[in-house]
Amino acid sequence: MAKDNYGWLFVDKTPLLYKKKNVDRQQKIETWLNLYQLTKELRIDEYETKRKTQSKINYII
């Protein structure tokens, strides 16, 4: 086993040794899920949608 080809992935407190490519992919997925949940809870998407529609109205004036 080469050290560079493997990385640690933790499930709760259990460490698992996986190929580095799989660890990187899992971290990207977890980051995306965390950002999705954050924007959903903060309702950022709704705010951005409202802001865009209001800005169009401001230009008509």
N, C-alpha and C. Protein backbone atom coordinates (compact mmCIF):
# COMPACT_ATOMS: atom_id res chain seq x y z
N MET A 1 0.84 -1.20 0.00
CA MET A 1 0.00 0.00 0.00
C MET A 1 0.88 1.26 0.00
N ALA A 2 0.68 2.08 -0.96
CA ALA A 2 1.39 3.35 -0.99
C ALA A 2 0.61 4.36 -0.18
N LYS A 3 1.32 5.15 0.59
CA LYS A 3 0.67 6.10 1.49
C LYS A 3 -0.14 7.15 0.71
N ASP A 4 0.35 7.55 -0.46
CA ASP A 4 -0.29 8.62 -1.23
C ASP A 4 -1.59 8.18 -1.89
N ASN A 5 -1.79 6.89 -2.07
CA ASN A 5 -2.96 6.41 -2.79
C ASN A 5 -4.16 6.14 -1.89
N TYR A 6 -3.99 6.25 -0.58
CA TYR A 6 -5.07 5.94 0.35
C TYR A 6 -5.29 7.09 1.32
N GLY A 7 -6.51 7.19 1.80
CA GLY A 7 -6.84 8.23 2.77
C GLY A 7 -7.87 7.71 3.76
N TRP A 8 -8.04 8.44 4.83
CA TRP A 8 -8.99 8.04 5.88
C TRP A 8 -10.34 8.69 5.66
N LEU A 9 -11.36 7.90 5.84
CA LEU A 9 -12.74 8.37 5.78
C LEU A 9 -13.39 7.95 7.08
N PHE A 10 -14.05 8.87 7.77
CA PHE A 10 -14.65 8.57 9.07
C PHE A 10 -16.16 8.47 8.94
N VAL A 11 -16.70 7.39 9.45
CA VAL A 11 -18.14 7.21 9.55
C VAL A 11 -18.43 7.21 11.04
N ASP A 12 -19.08 8.27 11.49
CA ASP A 12 -19.21 8.57 12.91
C ASP A 12 -17.80 8.65 13.48
N LYS A 13 -17.42 7.75 14.34
CA LYS A 13 -16.06 7.77 14.90
C LYS A 13 -15.22 6.60 14.40
N THR A 14 -15.71 5.89 13.41
CA THR A 14 -15.01 4.72 12.89
C THR A 14 -14.15 5.12 11.69
N PRO A 15 -12.83 4.97 11.78
CA PRO A 15 -11.98 5.30 10.63
C PRO A 15 -11.96 4.16 9.61
N LEU A 16 -12.06 4.53 8.34
CA LEU A 16 -12.01 3.56 7.25
C LEU A 16 -10.93 4.00 6.28
N LEU A 17 -10.16 3.06 5.77
CA LEU A 17 -9.10 3.36 4.82
C LEU A 17 -9.62 3.09 3.41
N TYR A 18 -9.67 4.15 2.58
CA TYR A 18 -10.15 4.04 1.21
C TYR A 18 -9.13 4.64 0.26
N LYS A 19 -9.32 4.37 -1.02
CA LYS A 19 -8.48 5.01 -2.03
C LYS A 19 -8.72 6.52 -1.98
N LYS A 20 -7.66 7.27 -2.18
CA LYS A 20 -7.73 8.73 -2.06
C LYS A 20 -8.78 9.32 -3.00
N LYS A 21 -8.93 8.75 -4.19
CA LYS A 21 -9.92 9.23 -5.16
C LYS A 21 -11.32 9.13 -4.56
N ASN A 22 -11.62 8.03 -3.88
CA ASN A 22 -12.94 7.84 -3.28
C ASN A 22 -13.16 8.77 -2.09
N VAL A 23 -12.10 9.00 -1.32
CA VAL A 23 -12.21 9.92 -0.18
C VAL A 23 -12.49 11.33 -0.68
N ASP A 24 -11.78 11.77 -1.72
CA ASP A 24 -12.00 13.11 -2.28
C ASP A 24 -13.42 13.26 -2.82
N ARG A 25 -13.89 12.23 -3.50
CA ARG A 25 -15.26 12.26 -4.05
C ARG A 25 -16.29 12.35 -2.93
N GLN A 26 -16.09 11.59 -1.86
CA GLN A 26 -17.03 11.62 -0.74
C GLN A 26 -17.04 12.98 -0.06
N GLN A 27 -15.87 13.61 0.07
CA GLN A 27 -15.81 14.93 0.69
C GLN A 27 -16.53 15.97 -0.15
N LYS A 28 -16.44 15.87 -1.47
CA LYS A 28 -17.17 16.79 -2.35
C LYS A 28 -18.68 16.62 -2.18
N ILE A 29 -19.12 15.38 -2.08
CA ILE A 29 -20.55 15.11 -1.90
C ILE A 29 -21.03 15.67 -0.57
N GLU A 30 -20.26 15.45 0.49
CA GLU A 30 -20.66 15.95 1.81
C GLU A 30 -20.69 17.46 1.84
N THR A 31 -19.74 18.11 1.18
CA THR A 31 -19.74 19.57 1.11
C THR A 31 -20.98 20.06 0.37
N TRP A 32 -21.32 19.43 -0.75
CA TRP A 32 -22.50 19.82 -1.50
C TRP A 32 -23.76 19.65 -0.66
N LEU A 33 -23.87 18.53 0.05
CA LEU A 33 -25.05 18.30 0.87
C LEU A 33 -25.15 19.30 2.00
N ASN A 34 -24.02 19.65 2.62
CA ASN A 34 -24.04 20.64 3.68
C ASN A 34 -24.47 22.01 3.16
N LEU A 35 -23.98 22.40 1.98
CA LEU A 35 -24.36 23.68 1.40
C LEU A 35 -25.83 23.69 1.00
N TYR A 36 -26.31 22.58 0.49
CA TYR A 36 -27.71 22.49 0.11
C TYR A 36 -28.60 22.65 1.34
N GLN A 37 -28.25 21.94 2.41
CA GLN A 37 -29.04 22.01 3.64
C GLN A 37 -28.99 23.41 4.23
N LEU A 38 -27.82 24.04 4.18
CA LEU A 38 -27.67 25.39 4.72
C LEU A 38 -28.52 26.39 3.95
N THR A 39 -28.47 26.34 2.62
CA THR A 39 -29.27 27.27 1.84
C THR A 39 -30.76 27.01 2.02
N LYS A 40 -31.12 25.76 2.21
CA LYS A 40 -32.53 25.43 2.43
C LYS A 40 -33.01 25.97 3.77
N GLU A 41 -32.21 25.80 4.83
CA GLU A 41 -32.61 26.27 6.15
C GLU A 41 -32.61 27.79 6.24
N LEU A 42 -31.68 28.44 5.58
CA LEU A 42 -31.61 29.90 5.63
C LEU A 42 -32.49 30.57 4.58
N ARG A 43 -33.08 29.76 3.72
CA ARG A 43 -33.95 30.24 2.65
C ARG A 43 -33.24 31.25 1.75
N ILE A 44 -31.97 31.00 1.48
CA ILE A 44 -31.18 31.90 0.65
C ILE A 44 -31.68 31.87 -0.78
N ASP A 45 -32.06 30.72 -1.28
CA ASP A 45 -32.55 30.61 -2.64
C ASP A 45 -33.81 31.44 -2.83
N GLU A 46 -34.71 31.40 -1.86
CA GLU A 46 -35.93 32.20 -1.95
C GLU A 46 -35.60 33.69 -1.96
N TYR A 47 -34.64 34.09 -1.13
CA TYR A 47 -34.24 35.49 -1.07
C TYR A 47 -33.66 35.95 -2.40
N GLU A 48 -32.78 35.14 -2.98
CA GLU A 48 -32.16 35.50 -4.26
C GLU A 48 -33.22 35.60 -5.36
N THR A 49 -34.19 34.71 -5.36
CA THR A 49 -35.25 34.74 -6.38
C THR A 49 -36.08 36.01 -6.22
N LYS A 50 -36.44 36.36 -4.99
CA LYS A 50 -37.21 37.58 -4.75
C LYS A 50 -36.41 38.81 -5.15
N ARG A 51 -35.13 38.81 -4.83
CA ARG A 51 -34.29 39.95 -5.13
C ARG A 51 -34.16 40.16 -6.63
N LYS A 52 -34.06 39.10 -7.39
CA LYS A 52 -33.94 39.21 -8.84
C LYS A 52 -35.22 39.77 -9.45
N THR A 53 -36.37 39.33 -8.96
CA THR A 53 -37.62 39.84 -9.52
C THR A 53 -37.83 41.30 -9.14
N GLN A 54 -37.42 41.69 -7.95
CA GLN A 54 -37.56 43.08 -7.54
C GLN A 54 -36.62 43.99 -8.33
N SER A 55 -35.44 43.50 -8.65
CA SER A 55 -34.50 44.34 -9.38
C SER A 55 -35.01 44.62 -10.79
N LYS A 56 -35.71 43.72 -11.39
CA LYS A 56 -36.28 43.95 -12.72
C LYS A 56 -37.33 45.06 -12.66
N ILE A 57 -38.12 45.08 -11.63
CA ILE A 57 -39.14 46.10 -11.47
C ILE A 57 -38.49 47.47 -11.27
N ASN A 58 -37.41 47.54 -10.55
CA ASN A 58 -36.71 48.80 -10.31
C ASN A 58 -36.22 49.42 -11.61
N TYR A 59 -35.84 48.61 -12.59
CA TYR A 59 -35.36 49.14 -13.85
C TYR A 59 -36.49 49.73 -14.70
N ILE A 60 -37.69 49.27 -14.51
CA ILE A 60 -38.83 49.77 -15.27
C ILE A 60 -39.18 51.19 -14.87
N ILE A 61 -38.98 51.55 -13.64
CA ILE A 61 -39.32 52.89 -13.14
C ILE A 61 -38.52 53.89 -13.87
